Amino acid sequence: MDAALVVVLSDAGGVDELFFGVEGIAKGLRAGSIALIRSTLLLISQLEKLEQKLTDEKKDVFLLDGYIFSGLSDELKQQIIIVASGRQDVSERARKFFHSLYNTVYFAEGEFCTSSKLRVVNDLLEGIHFVASIEAMYLGVRAGIHPSIIYDIISNAAGSSRLWEFLHSFVFCLNK
C-alpha cells in the first residue's frame, strides 16, 4: 500500500465534492492507496455509491468503510477503536497500516458497509438505553424520590450504565 487516508465526516452533503470535486482528494491518491471513510450521516446506499464511483474513476484506489469510537470497557477505556469493512484483499493490505496508528482495529467480516451496519446496531442500543434511563428516572421521581437520590443510588447499583451516568447533568439542573 502506497498511502492511506482516513476521512471522518459529519456532513453527508459534501462527500462527492470532497472526493471528486475540482480539488477532490481522489485526484491526489496514488495507485494502491486505501481510503477509510467514517460518516455519521451517510446512508449505506450512499457509501456503496461512493465506493462504486471511486472504483470506476480510480480503479487502483480502494475504499474501506469505518466505524470509529472510543472504548468504554476497562481494558479499552479511552482508546480509539476502528471497525473497518470492505473487500477482504483491501482489508488485509490495510491491516498493518491501521494497526500502526491505533491499538485496536477490527476488520469486520462481510461486505463493504458492514462497519456502518454495526454502527446502526450500536446506535439503536444506545438510544434504547438512553430512553430507558430517562424513563427510570421519571418513574422514581413520580414515586416521590428526589432525582439526586435516585441518581446516586442507581449509579452504584447494577442498573447503572454510561448513559445513566450521562443523566447527571440533568439531575444537577433539577437540584438548582
N, C-alpha and C. Protein backbone atom coordinates (compact mmCIF):
# COMPACT_ATOMS: atom_id res chain seq x y z
N MET A 1 0.85 -1.16 0.00
CA MET A 1 0.00 0.00 0.00
C MET A 1 0.90 1.23 0.00
N ASP A 2 0.67 2.11 -0.96
CA ASP A 2 1.46 3.33 -1.06
C ASP A 2 1.03 4.39 -0.05
N ALA A 3 -0.26 4.54 0.13
CA ALA A 3 -0.76 5.59 1.01
C ALA A 3 -2.12 5.19 1.57
N ALA A 4 -2.44 5.79 2.70
CA ALA A 4 -3.76 5.57 3.30
C ALA A 4 -4.29 6.91 3.77
N LEU A 5 -5.60 7.00 3.75
CA LEU A 5 -6.28 8.23 4.13
C LEU A 5 -7.46 7.86 5.00
N VAL A 6 -7.63 8.57 6.11
CA VAL A 6 -8.78 8.36 6.98
C VAL A 6 -9.64 9.62 6.86
N VAL A 7 -10.89 9.45 6.45
CA VAL A 7 -11.83 10.56 6.27
C VAL A 7 -12.96 10.38 7.27
N VAL A 8 -13.13 11.38 8.15
CA VAL A 8 -14.19 11.35 9.14
C VAL A 8 -15.09 12.54 8.84
N LEU A 9 -16.35 12.26 8.51
CA LEU A 9 -17.30 13.30 8.10
C LEU A 9 -18.52 13.32 8.98
N SER A 10 -19.05 14.50 9.21
CA SER A 10 -20.34 14.60 9.87
C SER A 10 -21.37 15.24 8.93
N ASP A 11 -20.95 15.60 7.72
CA ASP A 11 -21.84 16.22 6.75
C ASP A 11 -21.89 15.36 5.50
N ALA A 12 -23.05 14.80 5.22
CA ALA A 12 -23.19 13.91 4.07
C ALA A 12 -23.22 14.67 2.75
N GLY A 13 -23.57 15.95 2.80
CA GLY A 13 -23.76 16.72 1.58
C GLY A 13 -22.51 16.94 0.74
N GLY A 14 -21.35 17.04 1.35
CA GLY A 14 -20.15 17.38 0.60
C GLY A 14 -19.25 16.23 0.24
N VAL A 15 -19.71 15.01 0.42
CA VAL A 15 -18.86 13.84 0.19
C VAL A 15 -18.40 13.75 -1.26
N ASP A 16 -19.33 13.91 -2.20
CA ASP A 16 -18.98 13.81 -3.61
C ASP A 16 -17.98 14.89 -3.99
N GLU A 17 -18.21 16.10 -3.50
CA GLU A 17 -17.30 17.21 -3.77
C GLU A 17 -15.93 16.95 -3.13
N LEU A 18 -15.93 16.44 -1.92
CA LEU A 18 -14.68 16.14 -1.22
C LEU A 18 -13.83 15.14 -2.00
N PHE A 19 -14.47 14.11 -2.52
CA PHE A 19 -13.72 13.09 -3.24
C PHE A 19 -13.49 13.43 -4.71
N PHE A 20 -14.49 14.00 -5.40
CA PHE A 20 -14.42 14.12 -6.85
C PHE A 20 -14.56 15.55 -7.37
N GLY A 21 -14.61 16.54 -6.50
CA GLY A 21 -14.73 17.93 -6.93
C GLY A 21 -13.47 18.42 -7.63
N VAL A 22 -13.46 19.70 -7.95
CA VAL A 22 -12.33 20.31 -8.65
C VAL A 22 -11.01 20.02 -7.94
N GLU A 23 -11.02 20.13 -6.63
CA GLU A 23 -9.82 19.84 -5.85
C GLU A 23 -10.02 18.59 -4.99
N GLY A 24 -10.77 17.64 -5.51
CA GLY A 24 -11.11 16.43 -4.76
C GLY A 24 -9.92 15.58 -4.39
N ILE A 25 -10.04 14.89 -3.27
CA ILE A 25 -8.93 14.09 -2.77
C ILE A 25 -8.63 12.86 -3.63
N ALA A 26 -9.61 12.39 -4.39
CA ALA A 26 -9.38 11.21 -5.24
C ALA A 26 -8.27 11.47 -6.25
N LYS A 27 -8.17 12.72 -6.71
CA LYS A 27 -7.14 13.06 -7.70
C LYS A 27 -5.74 12.90 -7.14
N GLY A 28 -5.58 13.12 -5.84
CA GLY A 28 -4.26 13.06 -5.24
C GLY A 28 -3.86 11.69 -4.73
N LEU A 29 -4.80 10.76 -4.75
CA LEU A 29 -4.48 9.42 -4.24
C LEU A 29 -3.73 8.62 -5.30
N ARG A 30 -2.58 8.09 -4.91
CA ARG A 30 -1.77 7.29 -5.84
C ARG A 30 -2.31 5.88 -5.98
N ALA A 31 -1.85 5.20 -6.98
CA ALA A 31 -2.23 3.81 -7.20
C ALA A 31 -1.91 2.99 -5.96
N GLY A 32 -2.85 2.15 -5.57
CA GLY A 32 -2.67 1.29 -4.41
C GLY A 32 -3.10 1.93 -3.10
N SER A 33 -3.52 3.18 -3.13
CA SER A 33 -3.95 3.88 -1.92
C SER A 33 -5.27 3.31 -1.40
N ILE A 34 -5.43 3.44 -0.10
CA ILE A 34 -6.66 3.00 0.55
C ILE A 34 -7.22 4.17 1.35
N ALA A 35 -8.49 4.44 1.18
CA ALA A 35 -9.18 5.46 1.97
C ALA A 35 -10.18 4.75 2.87
N LEU A 36 -10.18 5.12 4.14
CA LEU A 36 -11.17 4.62 5.09
C LEU A 36 -12.10 5.78 5.39
N ILE A 37 -13.39 5.60 5.20
CA ILE A 37 -14.34 6.67 5.44
C ILE A 37 -15.26 6.30 6.58
N ARG A 38 -15.44 7.27 7.47
CA ARG A 38 -16.39 7.12 8.58
C ARG A 38 -17.29 8.34 8.55
N SER A 39 -18.57 8.10 8.43
CA SER A 39 -19.53 9.19 8.42
C SER A 39 -20.73 8.82 9.25
N THR A 40 -21.18 9.77 10.05
CA THR A 40 -22.36 9.53 10.87
C THR A 40 -23.64 9.75 10.08
N LEU A 41 -23.55 10.47 8.96
CA LEU A 41 -24.76 10.85 8.24
C LEU A 41 -24.93 10.20 6.87
N LEU A 42 -23.92 9.53 6.38
CA LEU A 42 -24.07 8.89 5.07
C LEU A 42 -24.90 7.62 5.21
N LEU A 43 -25.87 7.49 4.34
CA LEU A 43 -26.63 6.25 4.29
C LEU A 43 -25.76 5.15 3.70
N ILE A 44 -26.09 3.93 4.01
CA ILE A 44 -25.33 2.81 3.47
C ILE A 44 -25.36 2.84 1.94
N SER A 45 -26.49 3.18 1.35
CA SER A 45 -26.58 3.26 -0.11
C SER A 45 -25.64 4.34 -0.66
N GLN A 46 -25.46 5.45 0.07
CA GLN A 46 -24.54 6.50 -0.36
C GLN A 46 -23.09 6.02 -0.29
N LEU A 47 -22.76 5.27 0.75
CA LEU A 47 -21.42 4.70 0.86
C LEU A 47 -21.14 3.73 -0.29
N GLU A 48 -22.13 2.91 -0.61
CA GLU A 48 -21.96 1.95 -1.71
C GLU A 48 -21.76 2.68 -3.04
N LYS A 49 -22.50 3.77 -3.26
CA LYS A 49 -22.32 4.56 -4.49
C LYS A 49 -20.95 5.21 -4.53
N LEU A 50 -20.48 5.69 -3.38
CA LEU A 50 -19.15 6.30 -3.31
C LEU A 50 -18.08 5.27 -3.65
N GLU A 51 -18.21 4.08 -3.09
CA GLU A 51 -17.24 3.03 -3.39
C GLU A 51 -17.25 2.69 -4.87
N GLN A 52 -18.44 2.57 -5.46
CA GLN A 52 -18.55 2.24 -6.88
C GLN A 52 -17.94 3.34 -7.75
N LYS A 53 -18.23 4.59 -7.42
CA LYS A 53 -17.70 5.71 -8.21
C LYS A 53 -16.18 5.77 -8.08
N LEU A 54 -15.66 5.55 -6.89
CA LEU A 54 -14.21 5.55 -6.71
C LEU A 54 -13.58 4.41 -7.49
N THR A 55 -14.21 3.26 -7.48
CA THR A 55 -13.72 2.10 -8.24
C THR A 55 -13.76 2.38 -9.74
N ASP A 56 -14.83 3.03 -10.20
CA ASP A 56 -14.97 3.33 -11.63
C ASP A 56 -13.96 4.38 -12.09
N GLU A 57 -13.76 5.42 -11.28
CA GLU A 57 -12.90 6.52 -11.69
C GLU A 57 -11.44 6.31 -11.34
N LYS A 58 -11.16 5.63 -10.28
CA LYS A 58 -9.79 5.39 -9.83
C LYS A 58 -9.65 3.89 -9.55
N LYS A 59 -9.49 3.12 -10.57
CA LYS A 59 -9.53 1.67 -10.46
C LYS A 59 -8.47 1.11 -9.51
N ASP A 60 -7.48 1.90 -9.20
CA ASP A 60 -6.38 1.43 -8.36
C ASP A 60 -6.39 2.06 -6.96
N VAL A 61 -7.50 2.68 -6.56
CA VAL A 61 -7.68 3.24 -5.23
C VAL A 61 -8.85 2.51 -4.59
N PHE A 62 -8.72 2.18 -3.30
CA PHE A 62 -9.70 1.33 -2.66
C PHE A 62 -10.32 2.02 -1.44
N LEU A 63 -11.56 1.67 -1.15
CA LEU A 63 -12.29 2.29 -0.06
C LEU A 63 -12.70 1.26 0.97
N LEU A 64 -12.49 1.61 2.23
CA LEU A 64 -12.98 0.82 3.34
C LEU A 64 -13.99 1.67 4.10
N ASP A 65 -15.00 1.02 4.62
CA ASP A 65 -15.99 1.67 5.47
C ASP A 65 -15.49 1.55 6.90
N GLY A 66 -15.66 2.60 7.69
CA GLY A 66 -15.16 2.56 9.06
C GLY A 66 -16.17 3.03 10.08
N TYR A 67 -16.09 2.43 11.24
CA TYR A 67 -16.84 2.85 12.41
C TYR A 67 -15.78 3.12 13.46
N ILE A 68 -15.67 4.37 13.92
CA ILE A 68 -14.62 4.78 14.83
C ILE A 68 -15.26 5.29 16.12
N PHE A 69 -14.77 4.81 17.26
CA PHE A 69 -15.34 5.22 18.54
C PHE A 69 -14.31 5.05 19.64
N SER A 70 -14.61 5.60 20.82
CA SER A 70 -13.74 5.44 21.99
C SER A 70 -14.20 4.24 22.79
N GLY A 71 -13.25 3.45 23.24
CA GLY A 71 -13.57 2.28 24.03
C GLY A 71 -14.13 2.64 25.39
N LEU A 72 -14.98 1.79 25.92
CA LEU A 72 -15.60 2.03 27.23
C LEU A 72 -15.22 1.00 28.27
N SER A 73 -14.84 -0.19 27.84
CA SER A 73 -14.50 -1.24 28.81
C SER A 73 -13.24 -0.84 29.57
N ASP A 74 -13.01 -1.46 30.71
CA ASP A 74 -11.81 -1.17 31.50
C ASP A 74 -10.56 -1.40 30.65
N GLU A 75 -10.56 -2.45 29.86
CA GLU A 75 -9.41 -2.81 29.04
C GLU A 75 -9.15 -1.79 27.93
N LEU A 76 -10.21 -1.24 27.33
CA LEU A 76 -10.06 -0.35 26.18
C LEU A 76 -10.45 1.10 26.47
N LYS A 77 -10.58 1.45 27.73
CA LYS A 77 -11.05 2.78 28.12
C LYS A 77 -10.23 3.88 27.43
N GLN A 78 -10.94 4.77 26.77
CA GLN A 78 -10.38 5.95 26.10
C GLN A 78 -9.49 5.64 24.90
N GLN A 79 -9.41 4.40 24.46
CA GLN A 79 -8.66 4.09 23.26
C GLN A 79 -9.55 4.29 22.04
N ILE A 80 -8.95 4.73 20.95
CA ILE A 80 -9.68 4.84 19.69
C ILE A 80 -9.77 3.45 19.09
N ILE A 81 -10.97 3.06 18.73
CA ILE A 81 -11.21 1.74 18.15
C ILE A 81 -11.76 1.95 16.74
N ILE A 82 -11.24 1.21 15.80
CA ILE A 82 -11.72 1.26 14.43
C ILE A 82 -12.26 -0.10 14.05
N VAL A 83 -13.45 -0.11 13.48
CA VAL A 83 -14.00 -1.31 12.87
C VAL A 83 -14.06 -0.99 11.38
N ALA A 84 -13.29 -1.70 10.58
CA ALA A 84 -13.23 -1.44 9.14
C ALA A 84 -13.85 -2.60 8.39
N SER A 85 -14.48 -2.29 7.27
CA SER A 85 -15.03 -3.35 6.43
C SER A 85 -14.87 -2.97 4.97
N GLY A 86 -14.75 -3.97 4.17
CA GLY A 86 -14.58 -3.80 2.73
C GLY A 86 -14.11 -5.11 2.14
N ARG A 87 -13.62 -5.02 0.94
CA ARG A 87 -13.11 -6.23 0.29
C ARG A 87 -12.00 -6.84 1.14
N GLN A 88 -11.98 -8.14 1.23
CA GLN A 88 -11.01 -8.83 2.08
C GLN A 88 -9.58 -8.51 1.68
N ASP A 89 -9.28 -8.47 0.39
CA ASP A 89 -7.91 -8.19 -0.03
C ASP A 89 -7.49 -6.78 0.36
N VAL A 90 -8.42 -5.82 0.32
CA VAL A 90 -8.13 -4.45 0.72
C VAL A 90 -7.92 -4.39 2.23
N SER A 91 -8.77 -5.06 2.98
CA SER A 91 -8.64 -5.09 4.44
C SER A 91 -7.29 -5.67 4.86
N GLU A 92 -6.88 -6.73 4.21
CA GLU A 92 -5.60 -7.36 4.55
C GLU A 92 -4.43 -6.41 4.28
N ARG A 93 -4.50 -5.66 3.17
CA ARG A 93 -3.45 -4.70 2.86
C ARG A 93 -3.44 -3.54 3.85
N ALA A 94 -4.60 -3.15 4.34
CA ALA A 94 -4.70 -2.00 5.24
C ALA A 94 -4.39 -2.36 6.70
N ARG A 95 -4.47 -3.61 7.03
CA ARG A 95 -4.34 -4.06 8.42
C ARG A 95 -3.06 -3.52 9.08
N LYS A 96 -1.92 -3.68 8.45
CA LYS A 96 -0.65 -3.26 9.04
C LYS A 96 -0.63 -1.75 9.27
N PHE A 97 -1.10 -0.99 8.29
CA PHE A 97 -1.11 0.46 8.43
C PHE A 97 -1.98 0.91 9.60
N PHE A 98 -3.20 0.41 9.68
CA PHE A 98 -4.11 0.84 10.73
C PHE A 98 -3.67 0.36 12.10
N HIS A 99 -3.07 -0.82 12.17
CA HIS A 99 -2.56 -1.30 13.46
C HIS A 99 -1.38 -0.44 13.94
N SER A 100 -0.67 0.20 13.02
CA SER A 100 0.42 1.07 13.44
C SER A 100 -0.10 2.39 14.01
N LEU A 101 -1.31 2.79 13.67
CA LEU A 101 -1.91 4.04 14.15
C LEU A 101 -2.76 3.85 15.40
N TYR A 102 -3.49 2.76 15.45
CA TYR A 102 -4.47 2.55 16.51
C TYR A 102 -4.22 1.21 17.18
N ASN A 103 -4.42 1.17 18.49
CA ASN A 103 -4.19 -0.07 19.24
C ASN A 103 -5.20 -1.15 18.90
N THR A 104 -6.44 -0.74 18.66
CA THR A 104 -7.50 -1.73 18.45
C THR A 104 -8.18 -1.48 17.11
N VAL A 105 -7.99 -2.41 16.21
CA VAL A 105 -8.61 -2.34 14.89
C VAL A 105 -9.26 -3.69 14.62
N TYR A 106 -10.52 -3.64 14.24
CA TYR A 106 -11.23 -4.86 13.86
C TYR A 106 -11.54 -4.77 12.38
N PHE A 107 -11.35 -5.83 11.67
CA PHE A 107 -11.77 -5.89 10.29
C PHE A 107 -12.98 -6.82 10.24
N ALA A 108 -14.14 -6.21 10.04
CA ALA A 108 -15.40 -6.94 10.09
C ALA A 108 -15.54 -7.84 8.88
N GLU A 109 -15.93 -9.04 9.16
CA GLU A 109 -16.18 -9.99 8.08
C GLU A 109 -17.38 -9.52 7.27
N GLY A 110 -17.38 -9.80 6.02
CA GLY A 110 -18.53 -9.44 5.19
C GLY A 110 -18.17 -8.39 4.17
N GLU A 111 -19.20 -7.83 3.60
CA GLU A 111 -19.02 -6.90 2.51
C GLU A 111 -18.80 -5.47 3.01
N PHE A 112 -18.49 -4.61 2.07
CA PHE A 112 -18.37 -3.18 2.33
C PHE A 112 -19.64 -2.71 3.03
N CYS A 113 -19.51 -1.85 3.98
CA CYS A 113 -20.60 -1.26 4.79
C CYS A 113 -20.98 -2.11 6.00
N THR A 114 -20.32 -3.21 6.25
CA THR A 114 -20.59 -3.97 7.46
C THR A 114 -20.33 -3.09 8.68
N SER A 115 -19.30 -2.26 8.64
CA SER A 115 -18.99 -1.36 9.76
C SER A 115 -20.13 -0.39 10.03
N SER A 116 -20.69 0.19 8.97
CA SER A 116 -21.80 1.12 9.15
C SER A 116 -23.04 0.40 9.68
N LYS A 117 -23.23 -0.83 9.27
CA LYS A 117 -24.35 -1.60 9.80
C LYS A 117 -24.16 -1.89 11.29
N LEU A 118 -22.92 -2.17 11.70
CA LEU A 118 -22.62 -2.36 13.12
C LEU A 118 -22.87 -1.07 13.90
N ARG A 119 -22.53 0.09 13.29
CA ARG A 119 -22.78 1.37 13.94
C ARG A 119 -24.28 1.59 14.15
N VAL A 120 -25.10 1.20 13.16
CA VAL A 120 -26.55 1.34 13.29
C VAL A 120 -27.06 0.48 14.45
N VAL A 121 -26.55 -0.74 14.57
CA VAL A 121 -26.94 -1.62 15.68
C VAL A 121 -26.56 -0.98 17.01
N ASN A 122 -25.33 -0.45 17.10
CA ASN A 122 -24.90 0.21 18.32
C ASN A 122 -25.76 1.43 18.63
N ASP A 123 -26.04 2.25 17.61
CA ASP A 123 -26.86 3.45 17.81
C ASP A 123 -28.25 3.10 18.32
N LEU A 124 -28.81 2.01 17.82
CA LEU A 124 -30.12 1.56 18.28
C LEU A 124 -30.07 1.22 19.77
N LEU A 125 -29.07 0.43 20.15
CA LEU A 125 -28.93 0.05 21.56
C LEU A 125 -28.66 1.27 22.44
N GLU A 126 -27.84 2.18 21.97
CA GLU A 126 -27.55 3.39 22.74
C GLU A 126 -28.83 4.19 22.96
N GLY A 127 -29.64 4.34 21.92
CA GLY A 127 -30.91 5.06 22.05
C GLY A 127 -31.85 4.38 23.03
N ILE A 128 -31.93 3.07 22.94
CA ILE A 128 -32.79 2.31 23.86
C ILE A 128 -32.33 2.50 25.31
N HIS A 129 -31.03 2.41 25.54
CA HIS A 129 -30.50 2.58 26.90
C HIS A 129 -30.75 3.99 27.42
N PHE A 130 -30.61 4.98 26.55
CA PHE A 130 -30.83 6.36 26.96
C PHE A 130 -32.30 6.59 27.34
N VAL A 131 -33.21 6.12 26.48
CA VAL A 131 -34.64 6.28 26.77
C VAL A 131 -35.00 5.52 28.04
N ALA A 132 -34.46 4.32 28.21
CA ALA A 132 -34.75 3.54 29.43
C ALA A 132 -34.24 4.27 30.67
N SER A 133 -33.08 4.92 30.58
CA SER A 133 -32.55 5.67 31.72
C SER A 133 -33.46 6.83 32.09
N ILE A 134 -33.93 7.55 31.09
CA ILE A 134 -34.83 8.67 31.34
C ILE A 134 -36.15 8.17 31.93
N GLU A 135 -36.68 7.09 31.38
CA GLU A 135 -37.92 6.52 31.90
C GLU A 135 -37.76 6.05 33.35
N ALA A 136 -36.62 5.46 33.65
CA ALA A 136 -36.37 5.01 35.02
C ALA A 136 -36.30 6.19 35.99
N MET A 137 -35.61 7.24 35.58
CA MET A 137 -35.55 8.43 36.42
C MET A 137 -36.95 9.00 36.63
N TYR A 138 -37.73 9.07 35.57
CA TYR A 138 -39.10 9.59 35.65
C TYR A 138 -39.94 8.74 36.61
N LEU A 139 -39.81 7.42 36.51
CA LEU A 139 -40.55 6.52 37.39
C LEU A 139 -40.21 6.80 38.86
N GLY A 140 -38.92 6.96 39.16
CA GLY A 140 -38.51 7.23 40.53
C GLY A 140 -39.02 8.58 41.03
N VAL A 141 -38.97 9.60 40.19
CA VAL A 141 -39.46 10.93 40.57
C VAL A 141 -40.97 10.87 40.81
N ARG A 142 -41.69 10.18 39.94
CA ARG A 142 -43.15 10.04 40.11
C ARG A 142 -43.49 9.27 41.39
N ALA A 143 -42.56 8.42 41.83
CA ALA A 143 -42.77 7.67 43.07
C ALA A 143 -42.41 8.51 44.30
N GLY A 144 -41.95 9.75 44.07
CA GLY A 144 -41.68 10.66 45.17
C GLY A 144 -40.24 10.70 45.64
N ILE A 145 -39.34 10.11 44.89
CA ILE A 145 -37.93 10.10 45.28
C ILE A 145 -37.23 11.27 44.58
N HIS A 146 -36.39 11.98 45.31
CA HIS A 146 -35.67 13.10 44.73
C HIS A 146 -34.68 12.59 43.66
N PRO A 147 -34.58 13.30 42.53
CA PRO A 147 -33.71 12.84 41.43
C PRO A 147 -32.26 12.61 41.84
N SER A 148 -31.72 13.44 42.72
CA SER A 148 -30.32 13.24 43.10
C SER A 148 -30.13 11.96 43.90
N ILE A 149 -31.13 11.58 44.70
CA ILE A 149 -31.06 10.32 45.45
C ILE A 149 -31.13 9.15 44.48
N ILE A 150 -32.06 9.23 43.54
CA ILE A 150 -32.17 8.17 42.52
C ILE A 150 -30.84 8.02 41.80
N TYR A 151 -30.31 9.14 41.36
CA TYR A 151 -29.06 9.11 40.59
C TYR A 151 -27.93 8.50 41.41
N ASP A 152 -27.76 8.97 42.63
CA ASP A 152 -26.66 8.47 43.47
C ASP A 152 -26.76 6.97 43.73
N ILE A 153 -27.96 6.50 44.03
CA ILE A 153 -28.12 5.07 44.33
C ILE A 153 -27.91 4.22 43.09
N ILE A 154 -28.60 4.55 42.01
CA ILE A 154 -28.50 3.73 40.79
C ILE A 154 -27.10 3.77 40.20
N SER A 155 -26.40 4.89 40.35
CA SER A 155 -25.03 4.99 39.82
C SER A 155 -24.09 3.96 40.44
N ASN A 156 -24.44 3.48 41.62
CA ASN A 156 -23.62 2.48 42.31
C ASN A 156 -24.26 1.10 42.35
N ALA A 157 -25.33 0.94 41.59
CA ALA A 157 -26.05 -0.34 41.57
C ALA A 157 -25.94 -0.98 40.18
N ALA A 158 -26.50 -2.15 40.07
CA ALA A 158 -26.41 -2.90 38.81
C ALA A 158 -27.13 -2.21 37.65
N GLY A 159 -28.07 -1.31 37.92
CA GLY A 159 -28.79 -0.62 36.86
C GLY A 159 -28.01 0.50 36.21
N SER A 160 -26.83 0.79 36.70
CA SER A 160 -26.03 1.89 36.15
C SER A 160 -25.48 1.54 34.78
N SER A 161 -25.24 2.58 34.00
CA SER A 161 -24.61 2.43 32.69
C SER A 161 -23.98 3.76 32.33
N ARG A 162 -23.23 3.77 31.26
CA ARG A 162 -22.62 5.02 30.79
C ARG A 162 -23.70 6.04 30.49
N LEU A 163 -24.79 5.63 29.92
CA LEU A 163 -25.86 6.56 29.59
C LEU A 163 -26.62 7.00 30.84
N TRP A 164 -26.71 6.13 31.83
CA TRP A 164 -27.30 6.55 33.11
C TRP A 164 -26.44 7.66 33.71
N GLU A 165 -25.13 7.49 33.68
CA GLU A 165 -24.24 8.49 34.23
C GLU A 165 -24.34 9.82 33.48
N PHE A 166 -24.71 9.76 32.21
CA PHE A 166 -24.91 10.97 31.41
C PHE A 166 -26.06 11.81 31.98
N LEU A 167 -27.00 11.17 32.66
CA LEU A 167 -28.13 11.89 33.25
C LEU A 167 -27.71 12.84 34.37
N HIS A 168 -26.48 12.70 34.85
CA HIS A 168 -26.01 13.54 35.94
C HIS A 168 -26.21 15.03 35.65
N SER A 169 -25.95 15.46 34.42
CA SER A 169 -26.12 16.87 34.09
C SER A 169 -27.58 17.29 34.22
N PHE A 170 -28.50 16.39 33.90
CA PHE A 170 -29.92 16.70 34.05
C PHE A 170 -30.32 16.76 35.53
N VAL A 171 -29.80 15.82 36.30
CA VAL A 171 -30.09 15.79 37.74
C VAL A 171 -29.54 17.05 38.39
N PHE A 172 -28.36 17.46 37.99
CA PHE A 172 -27.75 18.67 38.53
C PHE A 172 -28.65 19.89 38.26
N CYS A 173 -29.22 19.98 37.07
CA CYS A 173 -30.11 21.08 36.73
C CYS A 173 -31.36 21.03 37.60
N LEU A 174 -31.85 19.84 37.93
CA LEU A 174 -33.05 19.72 38.75
C LEU A 174 -32.80 20.13 40.19
N ASN A 175 -31.54 20.05 40.64
CA ASN A 175 -31.22 20.42 42.01
C ASN A 175 -31.14 21.93 42.24
N LYS A 176 -31.10 22.69 41.17
CA LYS A 176 -30.99 24.16 41.30
C LYS A 176 -32.32 24.79 41.60
